[in-house]
């Protein structure tokens, strides 16, 4: 699925950039950012494995959707605290906005995806 690949790649990028945060933020902001970013592809994968139950599949997609938006909050905070450059933030935020749209579309049209 395209949304899984996009979410996985974005999570890898988030992991990479967050490792540059100051030591005092590695246990706090960077960890939260990585956790929420990794949650997106993990929940897509877990939901896909349970797609024989439409309710379960859609529930996991909504958890991924929520994690996607949580990641956007942490990205904003990282930028505002000076740990992410504006262009890095914009690139990542644009990716997570796109992932959010893809998740919403998958949630609405899940039967058409293979």
PDB file of N, CA and C in Angstrom:
ATOM      1  N   UNK A   1       0.833  -1.186   0.000  1.00  0.00           N
ATOM      2  CA  UNK A   1       0.000   0.000   0.000  1.00  0.00           C
ATOM      3  C   UNK A   1       0.878   1.249   0.000  1.00  0.00           C
ATOM      4  N   UNK A   2       0.502   2.184  -0.795  1.00  0.00           N
ATOM      5  CA  UNK A   2       1.257   3.429  -0.885  1.00  0.00           C
ATOM      6  C   UNK A   2       1.307   4.173   0.446  1.00  0.00           C
ATOM      7  N   UNK A   3       0.191   4.193   1.165  1.00  0.00           N
ATOM      8  CA  UNK A   3       0.160   4.939   2.426  1.00  0.00           C
ATOM      9  C   UNK A   3       1.110   4.314   3.445  1.00  0.00           C
ATOM     10  N   UNK A   4       1.211   3.006   3.452  1.00  0.00           N
ATOM     11  CA  UNK A   4       2.154   2.357   4.368  1.00  0.00           C
ATOM     12  C   UNK A   4       3.586   2.741   4.011  1.00  0.00           C
ATOM     13  N   UNK A   5       3.933   2.646   2.740  1.00  0.00           N
ATOM     14  CA  UNK A   5       5.301   2.982   2.315  1.00  0.00           C
ATOM     15  C   UNK A   5       5.635   4.446   2.626  1.00  0.00           C
ATOM     16  N   UNK A   6       4.696   5.324   2.369  1.00  0.00           N
ATOM     17  CA  UNK A   6       4.922   6.745   2.651  1.00  0.00           C
ATOM     18  C   UNK A   6       5.099   6.984   4.149  1.00  0.00           C
ATOM     19  N   UNK A   7       4.256   6.355   4.961  1.00  0.00           N
ATOM     20  CA  UNK A   7       4.345   6.517   6.419  1.00  0.00           C
ATOM     21  C   UNK A   7       5.646   5.927   6.962  1.00  0.00           C
ATOM     22  N   UNK A   8       6.050   4.798   6.424  1.00  0.00           N
ATOM     23  CA  UNK A   8       7.292   4.156   6.863  1.00  0.00           C
ATOM     24  C   UNK A   8       8.503   5.036   6.520  1.00  0.00           C
ATOM     25  N   UNK A   9       8.551   5.523   5.296  1.00  0.00           N
ATOM     26  CA  UNK A   9       9.654   6.397   4.876  1.00  0.00           C
ATOM     27  C   UNK A   9       9.690   7.695   5.687  1.00  0.00           C
ATOM     28  N   UNK A  10       8.523   8.254   5.952  1.00  0.00           N
ATOM     29  CA  UNK A  10       8.460   9.484   6.744  1.00  0.00           C
ATOM     30  C   UNK A  10       8.942   9.225   8.174  1.00  0.00           C
ATOM     31  N   UNK A  11       8.576   8.088   8.740  1.00  0.00           N
ATOM     32  CA  UNK A  11       9.018   7.753  10.095  1.00  0.00           C
ATOM     33  C   UNK A  11      10.536   7.590  10.154  1.00  0.00           C
ATOM     34  N   UNK A  12      11.114   7.012   9.127  1.00  0.00           N
ATOM     35  CA  UNK A  12      12.579   6.897   9.080  1.00  0.00           C
ATOM     36  C   UNK A  12      13.233   8.275   9.032  1.00  0.00           C
ATOM     37  N   UNK A  13      12.661   9.166   8.255  1.00  0.00           N
ATOM     38  CA  UNK A  13      13.204  10.520   8.161  1.00  0.00           C
ATOM     39  C   UNK A  13      13.059  11.263   9.490  1.00  0.00           C
ATOM     40  N   UNK A  14      11.912  11.124  10.129  1.00  0.00           N
ATOM     41  CA  UNK A  14      11.707  11.743  11.446  1.00  0.00           C
ATOM     42  C   UNK A  14      12.747  11.215  12.432  1.00  0.00           C
ATOM     43  N   UNK A  15      12.974   9.927  12.405  1.00  0.00           N
ATOM     44  CA  UNK A  15      13.961   9.330  13.299  1.00  0.00           C
ATOM     45  C   UNK A  15      15.343   9.941  13.061  1.00  0.00           C
ATOM     46  N   UNK A  16      15.687  10.088  11.814  1.00  0.00           N
ATOM     47  CA  UNK A  16      16.997  10.644  11.459  1.00  0.00           C
ATOM     48  C   UNK A  16      17.150  12.089  11.941  1.00  0.00           C
ATOM     49  N   UNK A  17      16.177  12.938  11.643  1.00  0.00           N
ATOM     50  CA  UNK A  17      16.320  14.350  12.017  1.00  0.00           C
ATOM     51  C   UNK A  17      16.208  14.556  13.525  1.00  0.00           C
ATOM     52  N   UNK A  18      15.400  13.750  14.201  1.00  0.00           N
ATOM     53  CA  UNK A  18      15.222  13.940  15.642  1.00  0.00           C
ATOM     54  C   UNK A  18      16.460  13.525  16.432  1.00  0.00           C
ATOM     55  N   UNK A  19      17.311  12.711  15.856  1.00  0.00           N
ATOM     56  CA  UNK A  19      18.549  12.307  16.550  1.00  0.00           C
ATOM     57  C   UNK A  19      19.539  13.463  16.656  1.00  0.00           C
ATOM     58  N   UNK A  20      19.285  14.542  15.929  1.00  0.00           N
ATOM     59  CA  UNK A  20      20.130  15.746  16.018  1.00  0.00           C
ATOM     60  C   UNK A  20      19.679  16.686  17.133  1.00  0.00           C
ATOM     61  N   UNK A  21      18.543  16.401  17.753  1.00  0.00           N
ATOM     62  CA  UNK A  21      18.052  17.268  18.824  1.00  0.00           C
ATOM     63  C   UNK A  21      19.050  17.232  19.984  1.00  0.00           C
ATOM     64  N   UNK A  22      19.052  18.268  20.805  1.00  0.00           N
ATOM     65  CA  UNK A  22      19.971  18.299  21.953  1.00  0.00           C
ATOM     66  C   UNK A  22      19.746  17.107  22.893  1.00  0.00           C
ATOM     67  N   UNK A  23      20.781  16.777  23.627  1.00  0.00           N
ATOM     68  CA  UNK A  23      20.740  15.633  24.539  1.00  0.00           C
ATOM     69  C   UNK A  23      19.549  15.733  25.498  1.00  0.00           C
ATOM     70  N   UNK A  24      19.289  16.916  26.022  1.00  0.00           N
ATOM     71  CA  UNK A  24      18.201  17.072  26.988  1.00  0.00           C
ATOM     72  C   UNK A  24      16.827  16.804  26.371  1.00  0.00           C
ATOM     73  N   UNK A  25      16.726  16.870  25.054  1.00  0.00           N
ATOM     74  CA  UNK A  25      15.450  16.606  24.387  1.00  0.00           C
ATOM     75  C   UNK A  25      15.329  15.180  23.862  1.00  0.00           C
ATOM     76  N   UNK A  26      16.394  14.397  23.925  1.00  0.00           N
ATOM     77  CA  UNK A  26      16.328  13.029  23.409  1.00  0.00           C
ATOM     78  C   UNK A  26      15.347  12.163  24.205  1.00  0.00           C
ATOM     79  N   UNK A  27      15.238  12.409  25.491  1.00  0.00           N
ATOM     80  CA  UNK A  27      14.325  11.625  26.318  1.00  0.00           C
ATOM     81  C   UNK A  27      12.911  12.200  26.327  1.00  0.00           C
ATOM     82  N   UNK A  28      12.732  13.358  25.772  1.00  0.00           N
ATOM     83  CA  UNK A  28      11.421  14.003  25.801  1.00  0.00           C
ATOM     84  C   UNK A  28      10.860  14.211  24.397  1.00  0.00           C
ATOM     85  N   UNK A  29      11.124  15.361  23.833  1.00  0.00           N
ATOM     86  CA  UNK A  29      10.513  15.742  22.562  1.00  0.00           C
ATOM     87  C   UNK A  29      10.894  14.792  21.426  1.00  0.00           C
ATOM     88  N   UNK A  30      12.163  14.487  21.286  1.00  0.00           N
ATOM     89  CA  UNK A  30      12.603  13.604  20.193  1.00  0.00           C
ATOM     90  C   UNK A  30      11.961  12.225  20.335  1.00  0.00           C
ATOM     91  N   UNK A  31      11.894  11.724  21.551  1.00  0.00           N
ATOM     92  CA  UNK A  31      11.294  10.401  21.792  1.00  0.00           C
ATOM     93  C   UNK A  31       9.807  10.407  21.439  1.00  0.00           C
ATOM     94  N   UNK A  32       9.099  11.442  21.847  1.00  0.00           N
ATOM     95  CA  UNK A  32       7.672  11.546  21.533  1.00  0.00           C
ATOM     96  C   UNK A  32       7.443  11.635  20.033  1.00  0.00           C
ATOM     97  N   UNK A  33       8.282  12.408  19.372  1.00  0.00           N
ATOM     98  CA  UNK A  33       8.176  12.578  17.927  1.00  0.00           C
ATOM     99  C   UNK A  33       8.415  11.249  17.208  1.00  0.00           C
ATOM    100  N   UNK A  34       9.465  10.546  17.606  1.00  0.00           N
ATOM    101  CA  UNK A  34       9.744   9.247  16.977  1.00  0.00           C
ATOM    102  C   UNK A  34       8.633   8.247  17.264  1.00  0.00           C
ATOM    103  N   UNK A  35       8.133   8.240  18.485  1.00  0.00           N
ATOM    104  CA  UNK A  35       7.083   7.296  18.868  1.00  0.00           C
ATOM    105  C   UNK A  35       5.817   7.508  18.039  1.00  0.00           C
ATOM    106  N   UNK A  36       5.393   8.740  17.901  1.00  0.00           N
ATOM    107  CA  UNK A  36       4.164   8.995  17.140  1.00  0.00           C
ATOM    108  C   UNK A  36       4.369   8.708  15.656  1.00  0.00           C
ATOM    109  N   UNK A  37       5.544   9.065  15.126  1.00  0.00           N
ATOM    110  CA  UNK A  37       5.822   8.810  13.703  1.00  0.00           C
ATOM    111  C   UNK A  37       5.853   7.311  13.412  1.00  0.00           C
ATOM    112  N   UNK A  38       6.450   6.541  14.302  1.00  0.00           N
ATOM    113  CA  UNK A  38       6.526   5.083  14.107  1.00  0.00           C
ATOM    114  C   UNK A  38       5.179   4.413  14.286  1.00  0.00           C
ATOM    115  N   UNK A  39       4.323   5.022  15.042  1.00  0.00           N
ATOM    116  CA  UNK A  39       2.992   4.464  15.277  1.00  0.00           C
ATOM    117  C   UNK A  39       2.144   4.437  14.011  1.00  0.00           C
ATOM    118  N   UNK A  40       2.375   5.376  13.119  1.00  0.00           N
ATOM    119  CA  UNK A  40       1.555   5.456  11.905  1.00  0.00           C
ATOM    120  C   UNK A  40       1.709   4.196  11.050  1.00  0.00           C
ATOM    121  N   UNK A  41       2.917   3.841  10.578  1.00  0.00           N
ATOM    122  CA  UNK A  41       3.014   2.629   9.757  1.00  0.00           C
ATOM    123  C   UNK A  41       2.723   1.356  10.551  1.00  0.00           C
ATOM    124  N   UNK A  42       3.054   1.350  11.841  1.00  0.00           N
ATOM    125  CA  UNK A  42       2.796   0.156  12.654  1.00  0.00           C
ATOM    126  C   UNK A  42       1.297  -0.133  12.739  1.00  0.00           C
ATOM    127  N   UNK A  43       0.488   0.899  12.916  1.00  0.00           N
ATOM    128  CA  UNK A  43      -0.962   0.693  12.996  1.00  0.00           C
ATOM    129  C   UNK A  43      -1.573   0.368  11.644  1.00  0.00           C
ATOM    130  N   UNK A  44      -1.018   0.911  10.587  1.00  0.00           N
ATOM    131  CA  UNK A  44      -1.492   0.533   9.248  1.00  0.00           C
ATOM    132  C   UNK A  44      -1.238  -0.950   9.029  1.00  0.00           C
ATOM    133  N   UNK A  45      -0.041  -1.405   9.365  1.00  0.00           N
ATOM    134  CA  UNK A  45       0.310  -2.814   9.177  1.00  0.00           C
ATOM    135  C   UNK A  45      -0.557  -3.725  10.036  1.00  0.00           C
ATOM    136  N   UNK A  46      -0.753  -3.343  11.283  1.00  0.00           N
ATOM    137  CA  UNK A  46      -1.574  -4.185  12.164  1.00  0.00           C
ATOM    138  C   UNK A  46      -3.023  -4.213  11.686  1.00  0.00           C
ATOM    139  N   UNK A  47      -3.533  -3.091  11.256  1.00  0.00           N
ATOM    140  CA  UNK A  47      -4.893  -3.057  10.726  1.00  0.00           C
ATOM    141  C   UNK A  47      -5.033  -3.894   9.467  1.00  0.00           C
ATOM    142  N   UNK A  48      -4.030  -3.805   8.587  1.00  0.00           N
ATOM    143  CA  UNK A  48      -4.076  -4.572   7.342  1.00  0.00           C
ATOM    144  C   UNK A  48      -4.121  -6.067   7.642  1.00  0.00           C
ATOM    145  N   UNK A  49      -3.391  -6.490   8.656  1.00  0.00           N
ATOM    146  CA  UNK A  49      -3.386  -7.903   9.036  1.00  0.00           C
ATOM    147  C   UNK A  49      -4.754  -8.348   9.544  1.00  0.00           C
ATOM    148  N   UNK A  50      -5.559  -7.413  10.005  1.00  0.00           N
ATOM    149  CA  UNK A  50      -6.880  -7.727  10.561  1.00  0.00           C
ATOM    150  C   UNK A  50      -8.008  -7.251   9.647  1.00  0.00           C
ATOM    151  N   UNK A  51      -7.704  -7.068   8.360  1.00  0.00           N
ATOM    152  CA  UNK A  51      -8.688  -6.494   7.445  1.00  0.00           C
ATOM    153  C   UNK A  51      -9.893  -7.387   7.196  1.00  0.00           C
ATOM    154  N   UNK A  52      -9.827  -8.652   7.609  1.00  0.00           N
ATOM    155  CA  UNK A  52     -11.003  -9.504   7.453  1.00  0.00           C
ATOM    156  C   UNK A  52     -12.139  -9.028   8.362  1.00  0.00           C
ATOM    157  N   UNK A  53     -11.798  -8.217   9.346  1.00  0.00           N
ATOM    158  CA  UNK A  53     -12.797  -7.573  10.202  1.00  0.00           C
ATOM    159  C   UNK A  53     -12.808  -6.085   9.863  1.00  0.00           C
ATOM    160  N   UNK A  54     -13.791  -5.643   9.105  1.00  0.00           N
ATOM    161  CA  UNK A  54     -13.825  -4.227   8.716  1.00  0.00           C
ATOM    162  C   UNK A  54     -13.739  -3.257   9.897  1.00  0.00           C
ATOM    163  N   UNK A  55     -14.422  -3.585  10.984  1.00  0.00           N
ATOM    164  CA  UNK A  55     -14.402  -2.683  12.141  1.00  0.00           C
ATOM    165  C   UNK A  55     -12.996  -2.573  12.728  1.00  0.00           C
ATOM    166  N   UNK A  56     -12.301  -3.698  12.841  1.00  0.00           N
ATOM    167  CA  UNK A  56     -10.932  -3.685  13.374  1.00  0.00           C
ATOM    168  C   UNK A  56      -9.994  -2.920  12.444  1.00  0.00           C
ATOM    169  N   UNK A  57     -10.092  -3.208  11.163  1.00  0.00           N
ATOM    170  CA  UNK A  57      -9.234  -2.533  10.185  1.00  0.00           C
ATOM    171  C   UNK A  57      -9.425  -1.030  10.267  1.00  0.00           C
ATOM    172  N   UNK A  58     -10.656  -0.576  10.282  1.00  0.00           N
ATOM    173  CA  UNK A  58     -10.930   0.854  10.323  1.00  0.00           C
ATOM    174  C   UNK A  58     -10.486   1.472  11.648  1.00  0.00           C
ATOM    175  N   UNK A  59     -10.595   0.708  12.724  1.00  0.00           N
ATOM    176  CA  UNK A  59     -10.149   1.211  14.035  1.00  0.00           C
ATOM    177  C   UNK A  59      -8.642   1.482  14.007  1.00  0.00           C
ATOM    178  N   UNK A  60      -7.875   0.557  13.451  1.00  0.00           N
ATOM    179  CA  UNK A  60      -6.434   0.761  13.369  1.00  0.00           C
ATOM    180  C   UNK A  60      -6.080   1.917  12.443  1.00  0.00           C
ATOM    181  N   UNK A  61      -6.829   2.102  11.392  1.00  0.00           N
ATOM    182  CA  UNK A  61      -6.587   3.248  10.513  1.00  0.00           C
ATOM    183  C   UNK A  61      -6.832   4.560  11.261  1.00  0.00           C
ATOM    184  N   UNK A  62      -7.843   4.589  12.117  1.00  0.00           N
ATOM    185  CA  UNK A  62      -8.110   5.804  12.890  1.00  0.00           C
ATOM    186  C   UNK A  62      -7.017   6.060  13.917  1.00  0.00           C
ATOM    187  N   UNK A  63      -6.465   5.005  14.495  1.00  0.00           N
ATOM    188  CA  UNK A  63      -5.338   5.183  15.417  1.00  0.00           C
ATOM    189  C   UNK A  63      -4.144   5.754  14.644  1.00  0.00           C
ATOM    190  N   UNK A  64      -3.882   5.218  13.453  1.00  0.00           N
ATOM    191  CA  UNK A  64      -2.802   5.741  12.612  1.00  0.00           C
ATOM    192  C   UNK A  64      -3.062   7.206  12.258  1.00  0.00           C
ATOM    193  N   UNK A  65      -4.304   7.526  11.946  1.00  0.00           N
ATOM    194  CA  UNK A  65      -4.694   8.900  11.620  1.00  0.00           C
ATOM    195  C   UNK A  65      -4.411   9.823  12.808  1.00  0.00           C
ATOM    196  N   UNK A  66      -4.771   9.384  13.996  1.00  0.00           N
ATOM    197  CA  UNK A  66      -4.498  10.164  15.205  1.00  0.00           C
ATOM    198  C   UNK A  66      -3.006  10.351  15.441  1.00  0.00           C
ATOM    199  N   UNK A  67      -2.233   9.294  15.246  1.00  0.00           N
ATOM    200  CA  UNK A  67      -0.778   9.387  15.413  1.00  0.00           C
ATOM    201  C   UNK A  67      -0.166  10.323  14.384  1.00  0.00           C
ATOM    202  N   UNK A  68      -0.733  10.342  13.213  1.00  0.00           N
ATOM    203  CA  UNK A  68      -0.273  11.242  12.158  1.00  0.00           C
ATOM    204  C   UNK A  68      -0.434  12.698  12.618  1.00  0.00           C
ATOM    205  N   UNK A  69      -1.567  13.001  13.186  1.00  0.00           N
ATOM    206  CA  UNK A  69      -1.813  14.368  13.655  1.00  0.00           C
ATOM    207  C   UNK A  69      -0.998  14.692  14.903  1.00  0.00           C
ATOM    208  N   UNK A  70      -0.768  13.696  15.745  1.00  0.00           N
ATOM    209  CA  UNK A  70       0.109  13.913  16.895  1.00  0.00           C
ATOM    210  C   UNK A  70       1.522  14.252  16.413  1.00  0.00           C
ATOM    211  N   UNK A  71       1.974  13.560  15.386  1.00  0.00           N
ATOM    212  CA  UNK A  71       3.298  13.826  14.826  1.00  0.00           C
ATOM    213  C   UNK A  71       3.384  15.264  14.335  1.00  0.00           C
ATOM    214  N   UNK A  72       2.321  15.762  13.728  1.00  0.00           N
ATOM    215  CA  UNK A  72       2.316  17.158  13.272  1.00  0.00           C
ATOM    216  C   UNK A  72       2.489  18.128  14.440  1.00  0.00           C
ATOM    217  N   UNK A  73       1.887  17.837  15.574  1.00  0.00           N
ATOM    218  CA  UNK A  73       2.051  18.689  16.761  1.00  0.00           C
ATOM    219  C   UNK A  73       3.507  18.693  17.212  1.00  0.00           C
ATOM    220  N   UNK A  74       4.110  17.510  17.297  1.00  0.00           N
ATOM    221  CA  UNK A  74       5.503  17.423  17.734  1.00  0.00           C
ATOM    222  C   UNK A  74       6.441  18.086  16.721  1.00  0.00           C
ATOM    223  N   UNK A  75       6.115  17.991  15.443  1.00  0.00           N
ATOM    224  CA  UNK A  75       6.927  18.682  14.437  1.00  0.00           C
ATOM    225  C   UNK A  75       6.850  20.195  14.623  1.00  0.00           C
ATOM    226  N   UNK A  76       5.637  20.697  14.863  1.00  0.00           N
ATOM    227  CA  UNK A  76       5.478  22.140  15.106  1.00  0.00           C
ATOM    228  C   UNK A  76       6.277  22.570  16.332  1.00  0.00           C
ATOM    229  N   UNK A  77       6.193  21.783  17.399  1.00  0.00           N
ATOM    230  CA  UNK A  77       6.912  22.115  18.619  1.00  0.00           C
ATOM    231  C   UNK A  77       8.425  22.086  18.386  1.00  0.00           C
ATOM    232  N   UNK A  78       8.875  21.109  17.615  1.00  0.00           N
ATOM    233  CA  UNK A  78      10.309  21.000  17.313  1.00  0.00           C
ATOM    234  C   UNK A  78      10.803  22.205  16.535  1.00  0.00           C
ATOM    235  N   UNK A  79      10.001  22.665  15.594  1.00  0.00           N
ATOM    236  CA  UNK A  79      10.346  23.875  14.837  1.00  0.00           C
ATOM    237  C   UNK A  79      10.342  25.100  15.741  1.00  0.00           C
ATOM    238  N   UNK A  80       9.283  25.235  16.529  1.00  0.00           N
ATOM    239  CA  UNK A  80       9.137  26.421  17.364  1.00  0.00           C
ATOM    240  C   UNK A  80      10.192  26.503  18.465  1.00  0.00           C
ATOM    241  N   UNK A  81      10.715  25.357  18.869  1.00  0.00           N
ATOM    242  CA  UNK A  81      11.784  25.358  19.874  1.00  0.00           C
ATOM    243  C   UNK A  81      13.168  25.441  19.234  1.00  0.00           C
ATOM    244  N   UNK A  82      13.205  25.512  17.904  1.00  0.00           N
ATOM    245  CA  UNK A  82      14.460  25.718  17.202  1.00  0.00           C
ATOM    246  C   UNK A  82      15.252  24.464  16.888  1.00  0.00           C
ATOM    247  N   UNK A  83      14.633  23.304  16.985  1.00  0.00           N
ATOM    248  CA  UNK A  83      15.345  22.050  16.726  1.00  0.00           C
ATOM    249  C   UNK A  83      15.210  21.576  15.286  1.00  0.00           C
ATOM    250  N   UNK A  84      14.211  22.083  14.588  1.00  0.00           N
ATOM    251  CA  UNK A  84      14.023  21.766  13.169  1.00  0.00           C
ATOM    252  C   UNK A  84      14.079  23.064  12.378  1.00  0.00           C
ATOM    253  N   UNK A  85      14.792  23.037  11.281  1.00  0.00           N
ATOM    254  CA  UNK A  85      14.803  24.184  10.377  1.00  0.00           C
ATOM    255  C   UNK A  85      13.431  24.287   9.719  1.00  0.00           C
ATOM    256  N   UNK A  86      13.087  25.487   9.288  1.00  0.00           N
ATOM    257  CA  UNK A  86      11.772  25.722   8.674  1.00  0.00           C
ATOM    258  C   UNK A  86      11.555  24.826   7.462  1.00  0.00           C
ATOM    259  N   UNK A  87      12.571  24.649   6.622  1.00  0.00           N
ATOM    260  CA  UNK A  87      12.385  23.813   5.425  1.00  0.00           C
ATOM    261  C   UNK A  87      12.220  22.342   5.791  1.00  0.00           C
ATOM    262  N   UNK A  88      12.935  21.868   6.815  1.00  0.00           N
ATOM    263  CA  UNK A  88      12.757  20.483   7.275  1.00  0.00           C
ATOM    264  C   UNK A  88      11.340  20.284   7.803  1.00  0.00           C
ATOM    265  N   UNK A  89      10.909  21.252   8.600  1.00  0.00           N
ATOM    266  CA  UNK A  89       9.555  21.174   9.151  1.00  0.00           C
ATOM    267  C   UNK A  89       8.522  21.157   8.030  1.00  0.00           C
ATOM    268  N   UNK A  90       8.662  22.054   7.070  1.00  0.00           N
ATOM    269  CA  UNK A  90       7.697  22.135   5.976  1.00  0.00           C
ATOM    270  C   UNK A  90       7.649  20.839   5.179  1.00  0.00           C
ATOM    271  N   UNK A  91       8.820  20.274   4.897  1.00  0.00           N
ATOM    272  CA  UNK A  91       8.865  19.015   4.147  1.00  0.00           C
ATOM    273  C   UNK A  91       8.160  17.894   4.910  1.00  0.00           C
ATOM    274  N   UNK A  92       8.479  17.769   6.198  1.00  0.00           N
ATOM    275  CA  UNK A  92       7.870  16.703   6.993  1.00  0.00           C
ATOM    276  C   UNK A  92       6.370  16.948   7.213  1.00  0.00           C
ATOM    277  N   UNK A  93       6.005  18.178   7.502  1.00  0.00           N
ATOM    278  CA  UNK A  93       4.594  18.490   7.713  1.00  0.00           C
ATOM    279  C   UNK A  93       3.780  18.224   6.454  1.00  0.00           C
ATOM    280  N   UNK A  94       4.341  18.568   5.297  1.00  0.00           N
ATOM    281  CA  UNK A  94       3.656  18.287   4.032  1.00  0.00           C
ATOM    282  C   UNK A  94       3.475  16.788   3.838  1.00  0.00           C
ATOM    283  N   UNK A  95       4.492  16.016   4.178  1.00  0.00           N
ATOM    284  CA  UNK A  95       4.384  14.553   4.061  1.00  0.00           C
ATOM    285  C   UNK A  95       3.288  14.015   4.974  1.00  0.00           C
ATOM    286  N   UNK A  96       3.261  14.495   6.212  1.00  0.00           N
ATOM    287  CA  UNK A  96       2.246  14.000   7.150  1.00  0.00           C
ATOM    288  C   UNK A  96       0.846  14.487   6.784  1.00  0.00           C
ATOM    289  N   UNK A  97       0.736  15.653   6.196  1.00  0.00           N
ATOM    290  CA  UNK A  97      -0.569  16.088   5.678  1.00  0.00           C
ATOM    291  C   UNK A  97      -1.031  15.146   4.566  1.00  0.00           C
ATOM    292  N   UNK A  98      -0.103  14.780   3.694  1.00  0.00           N
ATOM    293  CA  UNK A  98      -0.432  13.861   2.593  1.00  0.00           C
ATOM    294  C   UNK A  98      -0.799  12.475   3.138  1.00  0.00           C
ATOM    295  N   UNK A  99      -0.054  12.000   4.123  1.00  0.00           N
ATOM    296  CA  UNK A  99      -0.352  10.697   4.735  1.00  0.00           C
ATOM    297  C   UNK A  99      -1.737  10.733   5.373  1.00  0.00           C
ATOM    298  N   UNK A 100      -2.062  11.831   6.011  1.00  0.00           N
ATOM    299  CA  UNK A 100      -3.375  11.987   6.637  1.00  0.00           C
ATOM    300  C   UNK A 100      -4.495  11.864   5.601  1.00  0.00           C
ATOM    301  N   UNK A 101      -4.319  12.501   4.466  1.00  0.00           N
ATOM    302  CA  UNK A 101      -5.307  12.421   3.387  1.00  0.00           C
ATOM    303  C   UNK A 101      -5.403  10.991   2.860  1.00  0.00           C
ATOM    304  N   UNK A 102      -4.246  10.355   2.693  1.00  0.00           N
ATOM    305  CA  UNK A 102      -4.236   8.971   2.205  1.00  0.00           C
ATOM    306  C   UNK A 102      -4.946   8.038   3.193  1.00  0.00           C
ATOM    307  N   UNK A 103      -4.712   8.243   4.484  1.00  0.00           N
ATOM    308  CA  UNK A 103      -5.384   7.416   5.495  1.00  0.00           C
ATOM    309  C   UNK A 103      -6.896   7.630   5.477  1.00  0.00           C
ATOM    310  N   UNK A 104      -7.294   8.878   5.339  1.00  0.00           N
ATOM    311  CA  UNK A 104      -8.734   9.177   5.286  1.00  0.00           C
ATOM    312  C   UNK A 104      -9.366   8.502   4.067  1.00  0.00           C
ATOM    313  N   UNK A 105      -8.689   8.576   2.927  1.00  0.00           N
ATOM    314  CA  UNK A 105      -9.207   7.930   1.718  1.00  0.00           C
ATOM    315  C   UNK A 105      -9.255   6.414   1.862  1.00  0.00           C
ATOM    316  N   UNK A 106      -8.233   5.850   2.465  1.00  0.00           N
ATOM    317  CA  UNK A 106      -8.227   4.411   2.694  1.00  0.00           C
ATOM    318  C   UNK A 106      -9.360   4.015   3.631  1.00  0.00           C
ATOM    319  N   UNK A 107      -9.593   4.806   4.658  1.00  0.00           N
ATOM    320  CA  UNK A 107     -10.669   4.518   5.600  1.00  0.00           C
ATOM    321  C   UNK A 107     -12.024   4.531   4.881  1.00  0.00           C
ATOM    322  N   UNK A 108     -12.215   5.491   3.983  1.00  0.00           N
ATOM    323  CA  UNK A 108     -13.484   5.600   3.256  1.00  0.00           C
ATOM    324  C   UNK A 108     -13.646   4.512   2.196  1.00  0.00           C
ATOM    325  N   UNK A 109     -12.549   4.139   1.536  1.00  0.00           N
ATOM    326  CA  UNK A 109     -12.614   3.227   0.387  1.00  0.00           C
ATOM    327  C   UNK A 109     -11.791   1.965   0.603  1.00  0.00           C
ATOM    328  N   UNK A 110     -11.766   1.468   1.800  1.00  0.00           N
ATOM    329  CA  UNK A 110     -10.846   0.372   2.135  1.00  0.00           C
ATOM    330  C   UNK A 110     -11.064  -0.886   1.300  1.00  0.00           C
ATOM    331  N   UNK A 111     -12.265  -1.138   0.852  1.00  0.00           N
ATOM    332  CA  UNK A 111     -12.520  -2.362   0.083  1.00  0.00           C
ATOM    333  C   UNK A 111     -11.837  -2.360  -1.283  1.00  0.00           C
ATOM    334  N   UNK A 112     -11.500  -1.180  -1.794  1.00  0.00           N
ATOM    335  CA  UNK A 112     -10.892  -1.111  -3.128  1.00  0.00           C
ATOM    336  C   UNK A 112      -9.369  -1.283  -3.097  1.00  0.00           C
ATOM    337  N   UNK A 113      -8.771  -1.360  -1.906  1.00  0.00           N
ATOM    338  CA  UNK A 113      -7.323  -1.494  -1.787  1.00  0.00           C
ATOM    339  C   UNK A 113      -6.938  -2.960  -1.627  1.00  0.00           C
ATOM    340  N   UNK A 114      -5.801  -3.315  -2.211  1.00  0.00           N
ATOM    341  CA  UNK A 114      -5.298  -4.679  -2.085  1.00  0.00           C
ATOM    342  C   UNK A 114      -3.892  -4.676  -1.575  1.00  0.00           C
TER     343      UNK A 114
END
